[in-house]
Protein backbone atom coordinates (compact mmCIF):
# COMPACT_ATOMS: atom_id res chain seq x y z
CA UNK A 1 13.53 36.81 86.25
CA UNK A 2 11.67 35.34 89.29
CA UNK A 3 13.60 32.13 89.28
CA UNK A 4 16.91 34.06 88.65
CA UNK A 5 16.18 36.12 91.96
CA UNK A 6 15.56 32.86 93.81
CA UNK A 7 18.85 31.66 92.51
CA UNK A 8 17.16 28.73 90.60
CA UNK A 9 19.09 29.37 87.50
CA UNK A 10 18.41 26.03 85.88
CA UNK A 11 14.70 26.63 86.06
CA UNK A 12 15.30 30.15 84.87
CA UNK A 13 17.13 28.79 81.80
CA UNK A 14 14.28 26.39 81.05
CA UNK A 15 11.77 29.29 80.97
CA UNK A 16 14.23 31.67 79.09
CA UNK A 17 14.61 29.03 76.40
CA UNK A 18 10.85 29.38 75.81
CA UNK A 19 10.86 33.06 75.10
CA UNK A 20 10.66 33.63 71.36
CA UNK A 21 9.97 37.42 70.75
CA UNK A 22 10.23 38.91 67.21
CA UNK A 23 13.00 41.57 67.15
CA UNK A 24 10.30 44.31 66.53
CA UNK A 25 8.59 43.43 69.83
CA UNK A 26 8.92 46.16 72.37
CA UNK A 27 10.23 43.91 75.00
CA UNK A 28 12.81 42.17 72.74
CA UNK A 29 15.74 44.23 73.78
CA UNK A 30 15.02 43.95 77.54
CA UNK A 31 14.25 40.30 77.42
CA UNK A 32 17.24 39.49 75.38
CA UNK A 33 19.45 41.33 77.89
CA UNK A 34 17.89 39.56 80.87
CA UNK A 35 18.16 36.04 79.30
CA UNK A 36 21.76 36.85 78.55
CA UNK A 37 22.40 37.72 82.07
CA UNK A 38 20.59 34.54 83.25
CA UNK A 39 23.01 32.52 81.05
CA UNK A 40 25.96 34.29 82.43
CA UNK A 41 24.93 33.52 86.01
CA UNK A 42 24.53 29.87 84.92
CA UNK A 43 28.29 29.40 84.27
CA UNK A 44 31.09 29.78 81.81
CA UNK A 45 29.73 26.92 79.77
CA UNK A 46 26.79 29.15 78.79
CA UNK A 47 28.94 32.16 78.05
CA UNK A 48 28.66 31.82 74.31
CA UNK A 49 24.85 31.75 74.52
CA UNK A 50 24.78 34.66 76.84
CA UNK A 51 26.98 36.63 74.38
CA UNK A 52 24.53 35.92 71.55
CA UNK A 53 21.66 37.22 73.61
CA UNK A 54 23.51 40.28 74.60
CA UNK A 55 24.43 41.02 71.01
CA UNK A 56 20.70 40.75 70.13
CA UNK A 57 19.90 43.23 72.86
CA UNK A 58 22.52 45.59 71.94
CA UNK A 59 21.54 45.43 68.24
CA UNK A 60 18.04 46.69 68.82
CA UNK A 61 16.67 49.92 70.15
CA UNK A 62 15.06 50.49 73.50
CA UNK A 63 13.19 53.72 73.92
CA UNK A 64 14.76 54.97 70.63
CA UNK A 65 18.26 54.33 71.63
CA UNK A 66 20.68 51.36 72.00
CA UNK A 67 20.49 49.74 75.34
CA UNK A 68 23.62 50.86 77.13
CA UNK A 69 23.81 48.07 79.70
CA UNK A 70 23.97 45.52 76.88
CA UNK A 71 26.72 47.51 75.08
CA UNK A 72 28.64 47.78 78.46
CA UNK A 73 28.31 44.04 79.15
CA UNK A 74 29.49 43.13 75.65
CA UNK A 75 32.49 45.41 76.08
CA UNK A 76 33.35 43.74 79.43
CA UNK A 77 32.90 40.21 77.93
CA UNK A 78 34.99 41.23 74.86
CA UNK A 79 37.77 42.63 77.08
CA UNK A 80 37.96 39.51 79.12
CA UNK A 81 37.37 36.98 76.24
CA UNK A 82 34.19 35.49 77.84
CA UNK A 83 31.75 33.98 75.22
CA UNK A 84 33.90 35.49 72.44
CA UNK A 85 37.46 35.88 71.42
CA UNK A 86 39.28 38.34 73.67
CA UNK A 87 39.48 41.69 71.72
CA UNK A 88 40.33 44.78 73.62
CA UNK A 89 39.77 47.02 70.52
CA UNK A 90 36.24 45.74 70.21
CA UNK A 91 35.71 46.22 73.95
CA UNK A 92 36.90 49.76 73.79
CA UNK A 93 34.53 50.52 70.89
CA UNK A 94 31.64 49.09 72.68
CA UNK A 95 32.45 50.93 75.99
CA UNK A 96 32.94 54.20 74.09
CA UNK A 97 29.51 53.71 72.36
CA UNK A 98 27.81 53.16 75.79
CA UNK A 99 29.77 56.03 77.35
CA UNK A 100 28.68 58.42 74.53
CA UNK A 101 25.06 57.50 75.17
CA UNK A 102 25.44 58.53 78.85
CA UNK A 103 26.18 55.31 80.59
CA UNK A 104 28.06 56.24 83.76
CA UNK A 105 29.62 52.80 84.59
CA UNK A 106 30.68 52.58 80.86
CA UNK A 107 32.36 55.95 81.27
CA UNK A 108 34.27 54.89 84.33
CA UNK A 109 35.41 51.62 82.63
CA UNK A 110 36.35 53.59 79.46
CA UNK A 111 38.55 55.84 81.82
CA UNK A 112 40.24 52.77 83.11
CA UNK A 113 40.80 51.47 79.60
CA UNK A 114 42.45 54.84 78.71
CA UNK A 115 44.47 54.53 81.88
CA UNK A 116 45.69 50.98 81.00
CA UNK A 117 45.96 51.40 77.27
CA UNK A 118 43.39 48.60 76.70
CA UNK A 119 41.95 48.75 73.16
CA UNK A 120 43.45 52.31 72.77
CA UNK A 121 46.64 54.26 73.18
CA UNK A 122 47.09 54.93 76.88
CA UNK A 123 46.03 58.46 77.65
CA UNK A 124 46.25 59.42 81.34
CA UNK A 125 44.97 62.97 80.78
CA UNK A 126 41.83 61.67 79.04
CA UNK A 127 41.35 59.03 81.78
CA UNK A 128 41.63 61.81 84.48
CA UNK A 129 39.13 63.97 82.57
CA UNK A 130 36.64 61.15 82.69
CA UNK A 131 37.19 60.37 86.32
CA UNK A 132 36.85 64.16 87.33
CA UNK A 133 33.46 64.15 85.56
CA UNK A 134 32.11 61.84 88.37
CA UNK A 135 33.32 63.47 91.62
CA UNK A 136 30.92 61.42 93.87
CA UNK A 137 31.32 58.09 92.20
CA UNK A 138 33.29 55.65 94.38
CA UNK A 139 34.87 53.88 91.34
CA UNK A 140 36.02 57.19 89.85
CA UNK A 141 37.44 58.22 93.20
CA UNK A 142 39.42 54.94 93.42
CA UNK A 143 40.55 55.46 89.84
CA UNK A 144 41.60 59.02 90.39
CA UNK A 145 43.62 58.00 93.52
CA UNK A 146 45.34 55.15 91.64
CA UNK A 147 46.19 57.40 88.67
CA UNK A 148 47.92 60.05 90.75
CA UNK A 149 49.35 57.81 93.42
CA UNK A 150 52.84 57.83 92.01
CA UNK A 151 53.19 61.47 91.28
CA UNK A 152 51.14 62.98 94.01
CA UNK A 153 50.75 60.50 96.99
CA UNK A 154 49.08 63.24 99.17
CA UNK A 155 46.31 63.74 96.66
CA UNK A 156 45.84 60.03 96.24
CA UNK A 157 45.60 59.57 100.01
CA UNK A 158 42.79 62.26 100.15
CA UNK A 159 40.96 60.30 97.49
CA UNK A 160 41.34 56.96 99.31
CA UNK A 161 40.42 58.53 102.54
CA UNK A 162 37.29 60.02 101.12
CA UNK A 163 36.23 56.54 100.29
CA UNK A 164 36.31 55.36 103.82
CA UNK A 165 33.72 57.98 104.70
CA UNK A 166 31.86 57.61 101.50
CA UNK A 167 28.12 57.18 101.78
CA UNK A 168 27.09 55.02 98.89
CA UNK A 169 24.32 56.43 96.73
CA UNK A 170 21.48 54.23 95.18
CA UNK A 171 23.45 54.33 92.02
CA UNK A 172 26.64 52.99 93.77
CA UNK A 173 24.80 50.16 95.41
CA UNK A 174 23.16 49.12 92.09
CA UNK A 175 26.27 49.34 89.83
CA UNK A 176 29.28 48.63 92.09
CA UNK A 177 30.20 46.10 94.76
CA UNK A 178 30.59 48.86 97.50
CA UNK A 179 31.30 46.42 100.38
CA UNK A 180 34.48 45.00 98.59
C-alpha cells in the first residue's frame, strides 16, 4: 500500500505478487482486496487479475461477515464488464448482498439500479425508499433530485440547491468524488 500511495503502481504490483497468505489467515480478506485495488489502478490490462483478487476477498469473512467493499466493487465491475463479462443481474445480486450487510454506498448504487432497471425490474418507489433512507448523503440527494425532476421540478430544484451548500462529511469525502 505504501507504493500505491506514492503512485508507484508497478512497484506495488511487484510486492503484491509476493503476498501468499492462506485463505484462513486473518489478513487474507483485506490483503486480497487491497491487491485487487492495486491491480485496478495499474490499468485495464490487469482487470481480470484484479477481479480474481476481489472474488477471493469477497469469498472470505472479515470480522465474521463478508467484506462489503469487495462485494460492492465486484458488483460495479460486473455491471460495467471490467475484468469479467458484463452481467447486470450478477451486479445487482452482489450490490444487494453488500447493501443488506449495511454498506451505504452499495445501498445508494442499489437504488440507482432500481431506478434504471439494471439487473432488476425498474422500481422507482423502491429506489426512492432507499434514497430517503440517507437524507444527508450527497449521492442520495442527487439521485432523489433526478428521480423526481420530471414530475416535481420544484422538489428536484430544492434537492439540487441543497447540494450547493452541502458540507461534505468524512464519509462523503472517503466514498464519493465530492468536487465533481
